[in-house]
Protein backbone atom coordinates (compact mmCIF):
# COMPACT_ATOMS: atom_id res chain seq x y z
CA MET A 1 116.25 71.01 -13.69
CA ARG A 2 117.28 68.15 -15.08
CA THR A 3 120.42 68.14 -17.54
CA GLU A 4 118.21 67.32 -20.35
CA ASP A 5 115.76 70.34 -19.56
CA VAL A 6 118.61 72.43 -20.12
CA ARG A 7 120.03 71.21 -23.03
CA LYS A 8 116.76 71.21 -24.48
CA ALA A 9 116.84 74.81 -23.65
CA GLU A 10 119.84 75.05 -24.85
CA VAL A 11 118.52 73.75 -28.57
CA MET A 12 115.18 76.26 -28.53
CA PHE A 13 117.25 79.45 -27.76
CA ASP A 14 120.14 78.52 -30.20
CA ASP A 15 117.81 76.99 -32.81
CA ASP A 16 115.71 80.07 -33.10
CA THR A 17 117.53 83.67 -32.54
CA HIS A 18 114.24 85.61 -31.37
CA HIS A 19 113.47 83.30 -28.24
CA SER A 20 113.35 85.26 -25.36
CA VAL A 21 114.92 83.69 -21.77
CA GLU A 22 111.22 85.34 -20.23
CA ALA A 23 109.55 83.05 -23.42
CA LEU A 24 111.84 80.22 -23.31
CA SER A 25 110.94 79.55 -19.06
CA LYS A 26 107.29 78.86 -20.60
CA THR A 27 107.53 76.71 -22.53
CA ILE A 28 110.35 74.44 -20.34
CA GLY A 29 108.33 75.22 -16.83
CA TYR A 30 110.63 77.29 -15.19
CA SER A 31 110.86 80.26 -13.97
CA PRO A 32 113.29 82.95 -15.97
CA ALA A 33 115.77 83.22 -12.55
CA HIS A 34 115.93 79.27 -11.83
CA LEU A 35 117.00 79.04 -15.62
CA ARG A 36 119.05 81.63 -16.06
CA ARG A 37 120.77 79.78 -12.77
CA VAL A 38 121.14 76.49 -14.25
CA PHE A 39 121.60 77.75 -17.63
CA LYS A 40 124.97 79.61 -16.74
CA ARG A 41 125.68 75.91 -14.09
CA GLN A 42 125.58 74.11 -17.07
CA PHE A 43 127.25 76.11 -19.97
CA GLY A 44 129.72 78.73 -17.79
CA VAL A 45 127.83 82.02 -19.55
CA SER A 46 124.43 83.85 -19.01
CA PRO A 47 121.70 82.85 -22.01
CA ALA A 48 122.33 86.44 -23.18
CA LYS A 49 126.13 86.06 -23.22
CA TYR A 50 125.57 82.31 -24.34
CA ARG A 51 123.96 83.67 -27.88
CA SER A 52 125.96 86.50 -28.06
CA THR A 53 129.22 84.04 -28.24
CA ARG A 54 127.86 81.63 -30.80
CA ARG A 55 126.62 84.56 -33.05
CA LEU A 56 130.11 86.22 -33.27
CA GLU A 57 132.01 82.39 -33.52
CA GLN A 58 129.90 82.44 -36.76
CA ALA A 59 130.59 85.88 -37.97
CA ALA A 60 134.25 84.86 -37.22
CA LEU A 61 133.62 81.84 -39.49
CA LEU A 62 132.09 84.13 -42.27
CA LEU A 63 134.88 86.94 -41.76
CA ARG A 64 137.38 83.78 -42.51
CA TYR A 65 135.66 81.65 -45.27
CA THR A 66 133.62 84.10 -47.62
CA SER A 67 133.52 87.12 -49.28
CA ASP A 68 130.47 88.57 -47.70
CA LYS A 69 130.20 92.47 -46.68
CA VAL A 70 130.48 93.59 -43.31
CA SER A 71 127.39 94.81 -42.80
CA ALA A 72 126.13 91.69 -44.71
CA ILE A 73 127.33 89.11 -41.90
CA ALA A 74 126.02 92.11 -39.30
CA SER A 75 122.85 90.92 -40.94
CA GLN A 76 123.49 86.54 -41.39
CA THR A 77 124.30 86.81 -37.45
CA SER A 78 120.82 88.94 -36.37
CA HIS A 79 123.29 92.17 -34.79
CA GLY A 80 120.85 95.31 -35.33
CA SER A 81 122.94 96.99 -37.61
CA PRO A 82 127.12 96.89 -38.61
CA ALA A 83 128.11 99.59 -35.54
CA ILE A 84 126.29 97.27 -33.15
CA PHE A 85 128.18 94.74 -34.63
CA THR A 86 131.26 96.01 -35.01
CA ARG A 87 131.28 96.96 -31.19
CA ALA A 88 130.78 93.21 -29.85
CA PHE A 89 132.93 91.95 -33.15
CA CYS A 90 135.80 94.45 -31.14
CA GLY A 91 134.25 93.74 -27.58
CA HIS A 92 135.32 89.57 -27.97
CA TYR A 93 138.26 89.56 -30.27
CA HIS A 94 140.00 92.67 -29.57
CA MET A 95 140.15 94.11 -33.00
CA SER A 96 137.38 95.16 -35.65
CA PRO A 97 135.41 92.56 -38.33
CA SER A 98 137.65 94.14 -41.05
CA ALA A 99 141.20 93.66 -39.02
CA TYR A 100 140.06 89.64 -38.84
CA ARG A 101 139.77 89.43 -41.99
CA ARG A 102 142.71 90.74 -42.93
CA ALA A 103 144.48 89.01 -40.15
CA HIS A 104 143.15 85.56 -41.62
CA ALA A 105 143.71 86.13 -45.29
CA SER A 106 146.23 83.74 -45.76
CA GLY A 107 143.72 80.78 -45.31
CA ASP A 108 144.17 77.13 -44.45
CA GLY A 109 142.70 74.50 -45.08
CA ARG A 110 145.05 72.43 -47.13
CA GLN A 111 143.61 70.05 -50.23
CA PRO A 112 143.48 66.79 -48.50
CA ALA A 113 143.99 64.71 -51.35
CA SER A 114 144.94 65.83 -55.17
CA SER A 115 141.70 65.04 -56.99
CA ILE A 116 138.88 65.85 -54.92
CA THR A 117 135.30 66.82 -56.93
CA VAL A 118 132.85 68.50 -55.18
CA ASN A 119 129.06 68.16 -56.42
CA ILE A 120 126.86 71.18 -56.09
CA GLY A 121 123.14 71.17 -56.52
CA TYR A 122 119.87 71.45 -54.87
CA GLU A 123 118.91 69.13 -51.50
CA LEU A 124 115.52 68.24 -50.82
CA PRO A 125 114.02 69.22 -47.57
CA ARG A 126 115.32 66.70 -44.47
CA THR A 127 114.44 65.84 -41.17
CA PHE A 128 117.00 64.16 -38.36
CA LEU A 129 116.60 62.79 -35.59
CA VAL A 130 119.26 63.27 -33.37
CA THR A 131 120.84 64.34 -29.57
CA ARG A 132 123.25 67.22 -28.97
CA ALA A 133 126.94 66.08 -27.64
CA TYR A 134 129.04 68.94 -25.91
CA GLY A 135 132.36 69.68 -25.12
CA SER A 136 134.42 67.22 -23.52
CA GLU A 137 131.63 64.54 -24.62
CA ILE A 138 132.44 64.51 -27.96
CA LEU A 139 134.74 61.59 -28.87
CA PRO A 140 137.51 62.21 -31.29
CA GLU A 141 136.60 59.30 -33.47
CA VAL A 142 133.67 59.96 -35.33
CA ALA A 143 132.17 56.04 -35.21
CA LYS A 144 132.65 55.80 -31.93
CA GLY A 145 130.87 59.03 -30.69
CA TRP A 146 128.00 57.64 -33.33
CA HIS A 147 128.27 54.47 -31.59
CA TYR A 148 127.96 55.27 -28.12
CA PHE A 149 124.63 57.94 -28.27
CA CYS A 150 122.77 56.37 -30.32
CA GLN A 151 123.48 52.27 -28.67
CA ARG A 152 122.85 53.92 -25.44
CA SER A 153 119.52 55.04 -26.78
CA ARG A 154 118.02 51.84 -27.59
CA MET A 155 116.55 52.68 -30.77
CA THR A 156 119.23 52.07 -33.17
CA ARG A 157 118.06 48.24 -34.40
CA GLU A 158 114.41 50.09 -35.40
CA ALA A 159 115.90 53.08 -36.21
CA HIS A 160 117.79 51.74 -38.92
CA ALA A 161 115.04 50.11 -40.67
CA HIS A 162 113.53 53.37 -40.99
CA ALA A 163 116.70 55.69 -41.55
CA ARG A 164 120.81 55.92 -42.37
CA PRO A 165 123.31 57.42 -39.18
CA ALA A 166 124.20 60.35 -39.86
CA ILE A 167 126.19 63.46 -37.68
CA LEU A 168 125.82 67.24 -38.00
CA PHE A 169 128.64 69.31 -37.15
CA ARG A 170 127.60 72.29 -35.62
CA ASP A 171 130.59 74.20 -34.87
CA HIS A 172 133.86 74.57 -36.84
CA PRO A 173 136.86 73.98 -34.55
CA VAL A 174 138.61 77.22 -35.79
CA THR A 175 136.27 79.54 -34.59
CA THR A 176 135.24 77.15 -31.57
CA PRO A 177 136.95 76.20 -28.83
CA ARG A 178 137.01 72.56 -27.90
CA GLU A 179 134.55 73.37 -24.69
CA ARG A 180 132.60 74.82 -27.29
CA LEU A 181 132.22 72.36 -29.86
CA ARG A 182 128.85 70.90 -30.85
CA VAL A 183 127.72 68.12 -32.64
CA GLU A 184 124.88 65.96 -32.99
CA TYR A 185 125.03 62.47 -33.26
CA GLY A 186 121.62 60.11 -34.74
CA TYR A 187 119.53 59.79 -38.01
CA LEU A 188 118.77 61.38 -41.32
CA ILE A 189 115.05 60.19 -41.81
CA ALA A 190 113.13 58.77 -44.57
CA HIS A 191 110.05 58.94 -43.40
CA PRO A 192 109.27 61.22 -40.86
CA GLU A 193 105.99 60.26 -40.54
CA ASP A 194 106.90 56.73 -39.11
CA HIS A 195 106.14 57.32 -35.92
CA LEU A 196 109.83 56.26 -33.87
CA ARG A 197 110.01 55.38 -30.03
CA ILE A 198 111.57 58.45 -29.18
CA PRO A 199 114.58 58.58 -25.93
CA SER A 200 113.97 62.03 -24.35
CA HIS A 201 117.32 63.05 -24.96
CA PHE A 202 116.69 62.82 -29.18
CA ASP A 203 115.26 65.61 -30.95
CA TYR A 204 113.78 66.26 -34.41
CA ARG A 205 115.94 68.71 -36.63
CA HIS A 206 114.45 69.40 -39.53
CA LYS A 207 116.17 70.77 -42.02
CA PRO A 208 114.25 72.86 -45.26
CA ALA A 209 115.16 72.52 -49.28
CA THR A 210 118.86 74.55 -49.82
CA LEU A 211 121.30 74.73 -52.05
CA ILE A 212 124.76 72.11 -51.22
CA ALA A 213 127.94 71.28 -51.41
CA SER A 214 128.48 68.02 -51.48
CA LEU A 215 131.33 64.71 -51.70
CA ILE A 216 131.54 61.30 -51.11
CA VAL A 217 134.46 59.54 -49.28
CA HIS A 218 134.83 56.08 -47.40
CA GLN A 219 136.99 55.99 -45.10
CA GLU A 220 135.71 58.16 -42.14
CA SER A 221 139.03 59.49 -40.63
CA ARG A 222 138.64 62.23 -43.76
CA ILE A 223 135.59 62.97 -42.37
CA VAL A 224 136.60 65.69 -40.65
CA PRO A 225 139.33 67.04 -42.97
CA TYR A 226 137.21 66.65 -46.09
CA LEU A 227 135.09 68.76 -44.46
CA GLU A 228 137.01 71.49 -43.29
CA TRP A 229 138.81 71.87 -46.51
CA MET A 230 135.45 72.20 -48.19
CA ILE A 231 134.46 74.81 -45.71
CA ALA A 232 138.24 76.85 -46.11
CA ARG A 233 138.67 76.33 -49.94
CA GLY A 234 136.62 73.66 -51.80
CA ILE A 235 133.06 75.68 -51.82
CA GLN A 236 134.79 78.93 -52.49
CA ARG A 237 136.22 77.56 -55.73
CA SER A 238 132.99 77.20 -57.14
CA GLY A 239 131.79 80.41 -56.78
CA LEU A 240 130.01 80.29 -54.02
CA SER A 241 129.56 81.03 -49.99
CA ILE A 242 129.24 78.73 -46.80
CA THR A 243 125.71 80.06 -44.89
CA GLY A 244 127.24 78.76 -41.22
CA GLU A 245 124.86 76.27 -41.03
CA PRO A 246 125.90 72.91 -39.71
CA ALA A 247 127.92 70.48 -42.11
CA ALA A 248 126.67 66.81 -41.88
CA ALA A 249 128.04 63.35 -42.92
CA ILE A 250 125.32 61.01 -43.73
CA TRP A 251 126.29 56.63 -44.27
CA LEU A 252 124.72 56.43 -47.66
CA GLU A 253 125.80 52.46 -47.41
CA GLY A 254 127.43 50.85 -44.55
CA LEU A 255 127.47 51.86 -40.60
CA PRO A 256 130.10 53.74 -38.45
CA GLY A 257 132.66 51.83 -37.38
CA MET A 258 132.79 50.00 -40.95
CA SER A 259 136.27 49.83 -42.56
CA GLN A 260 134.45 50.78 -46.26
CA ALA A 261 131.45 52.27 -46.83
CA VAL A 262 129.70 55.66 -49.05
CA ILE A 263 129.47 58.65 -46.59
CA LYS A 264 127.91 61.94 -47.86
CA LEU A 265 129.51 65.17 -46.88
CA SER A 266 127.43 67.86 -47.74
CA ILE A 267 128.12 71.57 -46.12
CA PRO A 268 124.80 74.03 -47.02
CA CYS A 269 125.85 76.91 -49.30
CA ARG A 270 124.63 80.08 -51.31
CA GLN A 271 125.75 82.70 -53.46
CA SER A 272 128.02 85.02 -51.99
CA ILE A 273 126.43 88.67 -51.02
């Protein structure tokens, strides 16, 4: 089984919470036993454990940075009931969801600048063309990471005529260990109907219309600290909550690596539950 096939399986398994290993194995053309074996070799755990851990990490993020009820978070993270959620959470974090929230009540996310304007508004449906990087593959400098994954695809010049550089941050380092972090490098596609020559390791991500919190930065060094502040503090100050969906950085002007650019940071949000 090729590496790109097992990564494709991870993406499909992650994006569709109703995918079973059996259904997924039929889609990619391998037996369930073989898929489980190569998935564990690639990611260190079985598909079921992988999905469970991802759900619990998302729950931990919502417990830290929203005021949502525990029962609402259980539903949002696809746990069958609050009791099932609490049992799974205790098994992973060795404390109840309520205790975890109290332990992190002091919060974090120091404001990275004295004056920051967070804009709230609805974003139209968007389509990204991206490739996913995992753990140690993720370079600490966002521009180098983008150039490494996008330039090696040999589609950079063609894509520039149709799209803007973009990075999707699938996880938060506060709740997901570095070895399991996922970042997607690629493009925001202006016209998805345009037929680009897509390398095998790139896929489309279709995002529905949603409420977002956004701000503009001009230096790449500010992307991560500003996103972390928005998640921890900025969105709550606007009376909203994060959804746990990926944050995005989109170059409206310039390219990754340029000393000056116009970069829009956006995070899906909603009314608190």
